[in-house]
C-alpha atoms as a PDB file:
ATOM      1  CA  UNK A   1     134.681  99.562 114.283  1.00  0.00           C
ATOM      2  CA  UNK A   2     135.065  98.777 110.381  1.00  0.00           C
ATOM      3  CA  UNK A   3     131.312  99.044 109.084  1.00  0.00           C
ATOM      4  CA  UNK A   4     131.015  95.849 108.042  1.00  0.00           C
ATOM      5  CA  UNK A   5     129.327  95.405 104.299  1.00  0.00           C
ATOM      6  CA  UNK A   6     126.983  92.061 103.636  1.00  0.00           C
ATOM      7  CA  UNK A   7     127.274  91.503 100.046  1.00  0.00           C
ATOM      8  CA  UNK A   8     123.518  89.971  98.436  1.00  0.00           C
ATOM      9  CA  UNK A   9     124.967  86.493  97.385  1.00  0.00           C
ATOM     10  CA  UNK A  10     123.266  84.259  98.416  1.00  0.00           C
ATOM     11  CA  UNK A  11     120.657  83.293  95.738  1.00  0.00           C
ATOM     12  CA  UNK A  12     117.249  81.321  96.293  1.00  0.00           C
ATOM     13  CA  UNK A  13     117.534  78.288  94.234  1.00  0.00           C
ATOM     14  CA  UNK A  14     115.574  74.845  94.228  1.00  0.00           C
ATOM     15  CA  UNK A  15     116.832  71.401  93.918  1.00  0.00           C
ATOM     16  CA  UNK A  16     118.182  71.931  90.260  1.00  0.00           C
ATOM     17  CA  UNK A  17     119.766  75.090  90.568  1.00  0.00           C
ATOM     18  CA  UNK A  18     117.527  77.288  89.770  1.00  0.00           C
ATOM     19  CA  UNK A  19     117.237  80.844  91.175  1.00  0.00           C
ATOM     20  CA  UNK A  20     113.580  81.088  92.871  1.00  0.00           C
ATOM     21  CA  UNK A  21     112.529  84.019  93.989  1.00  0.00           C
ATOM     22  CA  UNK A  22     110.328  84.228  96.907  1.00  0.00           C
ATOM     23  CA  UNK A  23     107.787  86.898  96.192  1.00  0.00           C
ATOM     24  CA  UNK A  24     106.188  87.929  92.552  1.00  0.00           C
ATOM     25  CA  UNK A  25     104.648  90.218  92.671  1.00  0.00           C
ATOM     26  CA  UNK A  26     100.505  90.350  91.190  1.00  0.00           C
ATOM     27  CA  UNK A  27      98.868  92.645  88.785  1.00  0.00           C
ATOM     28  CA  UNK A  28      95.235  93.554  89.082  1.00  0.00           C
ATOM     29  CA  UNK A  29      93.318  91.936  85.937  1.00  0.00           C
ATOM     30  CA  UNK A  30      91.300  95.247  86.234  1.00  0.00           C
ATOM     31  CA  UNK A  31      93.806  98.105  85.911  1.00  0.00           C
ATOM     32  CA  UNK A  32      97.035  96.060  84.947  1.00  0.00           C
ATOM     33  CA  UNK A  33      98.390  97.610  87.997  1.00  0.00           C
ATOM     34  CA  UNK A  34     101.346  96.027  90.627  1.00  0.00           C
ATOM     35  CA  UNK A  35     100.114  94.288  93.527  1.00  0.00           C
ATOM     36  CA  UNK A  36     102.291  95.850  96.569  1.00  0.00           C
ATOM     37  CA  UNK A  37     103.003  93.402  98.867  1.00  0.00           C
ATOM     38  CA  UNK A  38     101.094  95.290 101.965  1.00  0.00           C
ATOM     39  CA  UNK A  39      97.643  95.749 100.179  1.00  0.00           C
ATOM     40  CA  UNK A  40      96.054  93.973 102.468  1.00  0.00           C
ATOM     41  CA  UNK A  41      92.741  94.414 100.867  1.00  0.00           C
ATOM     42  CA  UNK A  42      93.755  93.120  97.132  1.00  0.00           C
ATOM     43  CA  UNK A  43      92.405  89.784  96.321  1.00  0.00           C
ATOM     44  CA  UNK A  44      92.546  86.224  93.924  1.00  0.00           C
ATOM     45  CA  UNK A  45      90.474  84.427  92.381  1.00  0.00           C
ATOM     46  CA  UNK A  46      90.869  81.059  90.565  1.00  0.00           C
ATOM     47  CA  UNK A  47      87.733  79.904  88.229  1.00  0.00           C
ATOM     48  CA  UNK A  48      88.291  76.163  87.764  1.00  0.00           C
ATOM     49  CA  UNK A  49      87.803  75.112  83.443  1.00  0.00           C
ATOM     50  CA  UNK A  50      85.720  72.497  83.464  1.00  0.00           C
ATOM     51  CA  UNK A  51      85.508  69.944  80.425  1.00  0.00           C
ATOM     52  CA  UNK A  52      81.610  69.256  78.860  1.00  0.00           C
ATOM     53  CA  UNK A  53      80.017  67.060  81.109  1.00  0.00           C
ATOM     54  CA  UNK A  54      80.514  70.357  83.347  1.00  0.00           C
ATOM     55  CA  UNK A  55      83.156  68.619  86.091  1.00  0.00           C
ATOM     56  CA  UNK A  56      86.385  69.932  87.178  1.00  0.00           C
ATOM     57  CA  UNK A  57      90.057  69.805  85.291  1.00  0.00           C
ATOM     58  CA  UNK A  58      92.361  68.937  87.772  1.00  0.00           C
ATOM     59  CA  UNK A  59      95.332  72.073  87.587  1.00  0.00           C
ATOM     60  CA  UNK A  60      93.367  73.803  85.075  1.00  0.00           C
ATOM     61  CA  UNK A  61      92.154  77.332  85.897  1.00  0.00           C
ATOM     62  CA  UNK A  62      91.279  81.245  84.818  1.00  0.00           C
ATOM     63  CA  UNK A  63      93.449  83.220  88.289  1.00  0.00           C
ATOM     64  CA  UNK A  64      91.806  86.863  88.002  1.00  0.00           C
ATOM     65  CA  UNK A  65      93.719  89.300  90.878  1.00  0.00           C
ATOM     66  CA  UNK A  66      91.832  92.629  92.635  1.00  0.00           C
ATOM     67  CA  UNK A  67      94.020  95.474  93.809  1.00  0.00           C
ATOM     68  CA  UNK A  68      92.178  97.137  97.041  1.00  0.00           C
ATOM     69  CA  UNK A  69      92.018 100.238  95.208  1.00  0.00           C
ATOM     70  CA  UNK A  70      89.271  98.679  92.822  1.00  0.00           C
ATOM     71  CA  UNK A  71      87.439  96.700  95.225  1.00  0.00           C
ATOM     72  CA  UNK A  72      87.076 100.011  97.720  1.00  0.00           C
ATOM     73  CA  UNK A  73      85.174 101.650  94.367  1.00  0.00           C
ATOM     74  CA  UNK A  74      82.462  98.508  94.175  1.00  0.00           C
ATOM     75  CA  UNK A  75      84.023  97.673  90.563  1.00  0.00           C
ATOM     76  CA  UNK A  76      85.152  94.341  92.049  1.00  0.00           C
ATOM     77  CA  UNK A  77      81.829  91.991  90.595  1.00  0.00           C
ATOM     78  CA  UNK A  78      81.438  93.870  87.012  1.00  0.00           C
ATOM     79  CA  UNK A  79      84.988  93.348  86.396  1.00  0.00           C
ATOM     80  CA  UNK A  80      85.034  89.944  86.567  1.00  0.00           C
ATOM     81  CA  UNK A  81      81.209  89.569  84.378  1.00  0.00           C
ATOM     82  CA  UNK A  82      83.118  90.922  82.317  1.00  0.00           C
ATOM     83  CA  UNK A  83      87.008  89.353  82.242  1.00  0.00           C
ATOM     84  CA  UNK A  84      84.523  86.086  82.440  1.00  0.00           C
ATOM     85  CA  UNK A  85      82.995  86.425  79.153  1.00  0.00           C
ATOM     86  CA  UNK A  86      86.225  87.944  77.480  1.00  0.00           C
ATOM     87  CA  UNK A  87      87.392  84.274  78.475  1.00  0.00           C
ATOM     88  CA  UNK A  88      84.218  82.451  77.637  1.00  0.00           C
ATOM     89  CA  UNK A  89      83.059  81.085  81.135  1.00  0.00           C
ATOM     90  CA  UNK A  90      80.479  83.206  81.057  1.00  0.00           C
ATOM     91  CA  UNK A  91      77.686  84.474  78.380  1.00  0.00           C
ATOM     92  CA  UNK A  92      75.641  87.578  77.674  1.00  0.00           C
ATOM     93  CA  UNK A  93      76.230  88.932  80.984  1.00  0.00           C
ATOM     94  CA  UNK A  94      78.472  92.458  80.304  1.00  0.00           C
ATOM     95  CA  UNK A  95      77.605  94.319  77.273  1.00  0.00           C
ATOM     96  CA  UNK A  96      79.436  96.464  76.289  1.00  0.00           C
ATOM     97  CA  UNK A  97      78.864 100.634  75.951  1.00  0.00           C
END
């Protein structure tokens, strides 16, 4: 029997007809490397933005993603402190050497 070839003509589209993908790769906030789909040790942390009264702003967050390699080295806490200080979330926590 002849081999059947399948073309990838089906596309994931939303209601407006725009092509959307199911998988969007993340980048590690510490290393800028792509986080693979099979990196089950990776995490993503969202820190809420707040107003001057200390109340959370809806749907406004700072997002940080860390790959499993950074987590296994025990560098996530220092890196999160450094990134949060760069984003003016924390003050006087991380000193550059």
